[in-house]
Protein backbone atom coordinates (compact mmCIF):
# COMPACT_ATOMS: atom_id res chain seq x y z
CA MET A 1 9.64 8.01 -48.50
CA ALA A 2 10.78 11.54 -48.54
CA LYS A 3 10.18 13.39 -45.69
CA PRO A 4 8.11 16.73 -46.04
CA LYS A 5 9.66 19.84 -45.79
CA THR A 6 8.41 22.30 -43.54
CA THR A 7 9.40 26.05 -43.14
CA GLN A 8 7.81 27.05 -39.92
CA LYS A 9 7.36 25.05 -36.81
CA LEU A 10 4.04 26.06 -35.20
CA THR A 11 3.48 25.53 -31.54
CA PRO A 12 0.28 24.18 -30.01
CA GLU A 13 -0.77 27.70 -28.91
CA GLN A 14 -0.75 28.99 -32.60
CA LEU A 15 -3.09 26.24 -33.70
CA ASP A 16 -6.67 25.82 -32.76
CA GLU A 17 -7.61 22.36 -31.48
CA GLU A 18 -9.03 20.81 -34.64
CA THR A 19 -6.27 22.23 -36.75
CA ALA A 20 -3.69 20.79 -34.20
CA ALA A 21 -5.40 17.46 -34.02
CA SER A 22 -5.67 17.09 -37.93
CA LEU A 23 -1.97 18.02 -38.18
CA GLU A 24 -1.20 15.56 -35.50
CA ASP A 25 -3.03 12.82 -37.23
CA THR A 26 -1.31 13.46 -40.45
CA LEU A 27 2.02 13.60 -38.66
CA ASN A 28 1.03 10.41 -36.81
CA LYS A 29 0.53 8.70 -40.42
CA GLN A 30 3.65 9.84 -41.90
CA LYS A 31 5.68 8.83 -38.75
CA GLU A 32 3.89 5.57 -38.81
CA GLU A 33 4.56 4.76 -42.24
CA GLU A 34 8.49 5.76 -42.03
CA SER A 35 8.67 3.94 -38.77
CA LYS A 36 7.12 0.64 -40.23
CA GLU A 37 10.04 0.80 -42.59
CA ASP A 38 12.53 0.56 -39.68
CA GLY A 39 10.49 -1.57 -37.51
CA LYS A 40 9.99 1.05 -34.75
CA THR A 41 6.54 1.83 -35.11
CA GLU A 42 5.48 1.37 -31.53
CA LYS A 43 8.29 3.66 -30.20
CA VAL A 44 7.26 6.36 -32.69
CA VAL A 45 3.84 6.24 -31.64
CA GLN A 46 4.49 6.22 -27.85
CA LEU A 47 6.89 9.15 -28.15
CA HIS A 48 4.60 10.94 -30.21
CA LYS A 49 1.74 10.76 -27.72
CA LYS A 50 4.02 11.75 -24.90
CA LYS A 51 4.81 14.90 -27.20
CA ARG A 52 1.25 15.52 -27.44
CA LEU A 53 1.02 16.33 -23.85
CA ILE A 54 3.73 18.85 -24.17
CA GLY A 55 2.06 22.50 -24.68
CA LYS A 56 -1.22 21.35 -23.51
CA ASP A 57 -2.82 23.15 -20.53
CA PHE A 58 0.54 24.79 -19.25
CA ASP A 59 -1.66 27.66 -18.02
CA GLY A 60 -4.53 25.69 -16.78
CA LYS A 61 -5.20 22.80 -14.46
CA MET A 62 -2.15 20.86 -15.18
CA SER A 63 0.14 24.02 -14.07
CA GLU A 64 -1.94 24.19 -10.99
CA LEU A 65 -1.70 20.38 -10.44
CA LEU A 66 2.02 20.35 -10.54
CA ILE A 67 2.50 24.00 -8.61
CA ASN A 68 0.45 22.54 -5.81
CA GLY A 69 2.29 19.13 -5.85
CA ARG A 70 5.53 20.78 -5.79
CA ASN A 71 4.59 23.04 -2.86
CA ALA A 72 3.10 20.10 -1.09
CA LEU A 73 6.31 18.15 -1.44
CA GLU A 74 8.22 21.11 -0.15
CA GLU A 75 6.24 21.30 3.01
CA ILE A 76 6.70 17.44 3.58
CA LYS A 77 10.33 17.73 3.36
CA LYS A 78 10.53 20.70 6.04
CA LYS A 79 8.30 18.48 8.36
CA ARG A 80 10.56 15.55 7.89
CA ALA A 81 13.63 17.56 8.60
CA ALA A 82 11.95 18.94 11.79
CA LEU A 83 10.68 15.71 13.08
CA SER A 84 14.31 14.23 12.07
CA THR A 85 15.91 17.01 14.20
CA GLU A 86 13.40 16.00 16.92
CA LYS A 87 14.28 12.52 16.91
CA ALA A 88 18.00 13.05 17.01
CA ALA A 89 17.53 15.01 20.16
CA ILE A 90 15.65 12.21 21.75
CA VAL A 91 18.13 9.59 20.95
CA ALA A 92 21.00 12.02 22.03
CA ASN A 93 19.35 12.26 25.47
CA TRP A 94 19.10 8.42 25.51
CA SER A 95 22.75 8.17 24.70
CA ALA A 96 23.83 10.74 27.43
CA LYS A 97 21.99 8.50 29.90
CA GLY A 98 24.13 5.72 28.87
CA LEU A 99 21.21 3.94 26.99
CA SER A 100 21.54 2.19 23.54
CA PRO A 101 19.42 4.10 21.24
CA ASP A 102 19.55 0.79 18.76
CA ALA A 103 18.05 -1.46 21.80
CA ILE A 104 15.42 1.35 22.50
CA GLU A 105 14.14 1.37 19.12
CA ALA A 106 14.32 -2.30 18.66
CA ALA A 107 12.35 -2.99 21.87
CA ALA A 108 9.75 -0.19 20.83
CA ALA A 109 9.46 -1.73 17.38
CA TYR A 110 9.07 -5.08 19.00
CA CYS A 111 6.19 -3.79 21.26
CA GLU A 112 4.22 -2.95 17.91
CA LYS A 113 4.10 -6.31 16.69
CA SER A 114 1.42 -8.72 16.83
CA ASP A 115 1.75 -11.63 19.23
CA ASP A 116 2.54 -14.24 16.27
CA ALA A 117 5.02 -11.79 14.78
CA LYS A 118 6.68 -11.57 18.16
CA GLN A 119 6.95 -14.97 18.58
CA ASN A 120 8.65 -15.32 15.04
CA TYR A 121 10.90 -12.57 15.91
CA ASP A 122 12.04 -14.26 18.97
CA ILE A 123 12.70 -17.55 17.39
CA SER A 124 14.32 -15.97 14.52
CA TYR A 125 16.57 -13.77 16.70
CA GLN A 126 17.45 -16.68 18.93
CA PHE A 127 18.55 -18.77 15.85
CA ALA A 128 20.22 -16.08 14.21
CA ARG A 129 22.37 -15.23 17.19
CA GLU A 130 23.37 -18.83 17.70
CA VAL A 131 24.18 -19.24 13.87
CA PHE A 132 26.54 -16.16 14.38
CA GLY A 133 28.20 -17.14 17.14
CA GLU A 134 26.63 -14.85 19.77
CA PRO A 135 23.91 -17.01 21.68
CA VAL A 136 21.42 -15.18 23.63
CA GLN A 137 21.98 -15.21 27.50
CA VAL A 138 18.62 -16.54 28.29
CA ASP A 139 18.95 -16.29 31.96
CA MET A 140 20.62 -12.78 32.00
CA PHE A 141 17.64 -11.12 33.32
CA GLU A 142 15.95 -14.01 34.95
CA GLU A 143 16.70 -13.02 38.66
CA SER A 144 16.02 -9.28 38.24
CA VAL A 145 12.92 -9.82 36.65
CA LYS A 146 11.68 -12.30 39.20
CA ALA A 147 12.72 -9.59 42.05
CA GLU A 148 10.80 -6.91 40.07
CA ILE A 149 7.55 -9.37 40.06
CA ARG A 150 7.83 -9.74 43.61
CA GLU A 151 8.17 -6.08 44.34
CA GLN A 152 5.12 -5.33 42.12
CA GLN A 153 3.04 -7.84 43.84
CA ALA A 154 3.82 -6.69 47.21
CA GLU A 155 2.75 -3.17 46.02
CA GLN A 156 -0.21 -4.33 44.75
CA GLN A 157 -1.25 -6.14 48.04
CA GLN A 158 -0.51 -2.95 50.13
CA ALA A 159 -2.76 -0.95 47.70
CA GLU A 160 -5.46 -3.43 48.38
């Protein structure tokens, strides 16, 4: 089938909705017939549906939606940058005091876990360390923890 010749391409703004819809339907039918021969009917229909959105409502609600969304995303980027700067200062302070930011962040994340998740983490962590040849030194803090507990108990007894 020969393609129809067009001398002027009209934009959606130049057409009223009824004429535009009629022309779109005619164009759809022609494109479907042509694409059936090529076995590409679905692709042409989908492409045409996308093209139908172009030119619609650029001066109305769709434009407002896009502009507001873009502005909101820009504000989020600015807030994220400010928060990243604030976080970097906190981490730098830890490092300056000789603390490991990675260890502190891991401990903070651990504190947010449920009891079941903590238990799973502990078992998985210990297993992974053993597999990687870096076993956990289980008794490393045992004596210092016991001493701290004794101090806290003594302070509580004095307070009572």
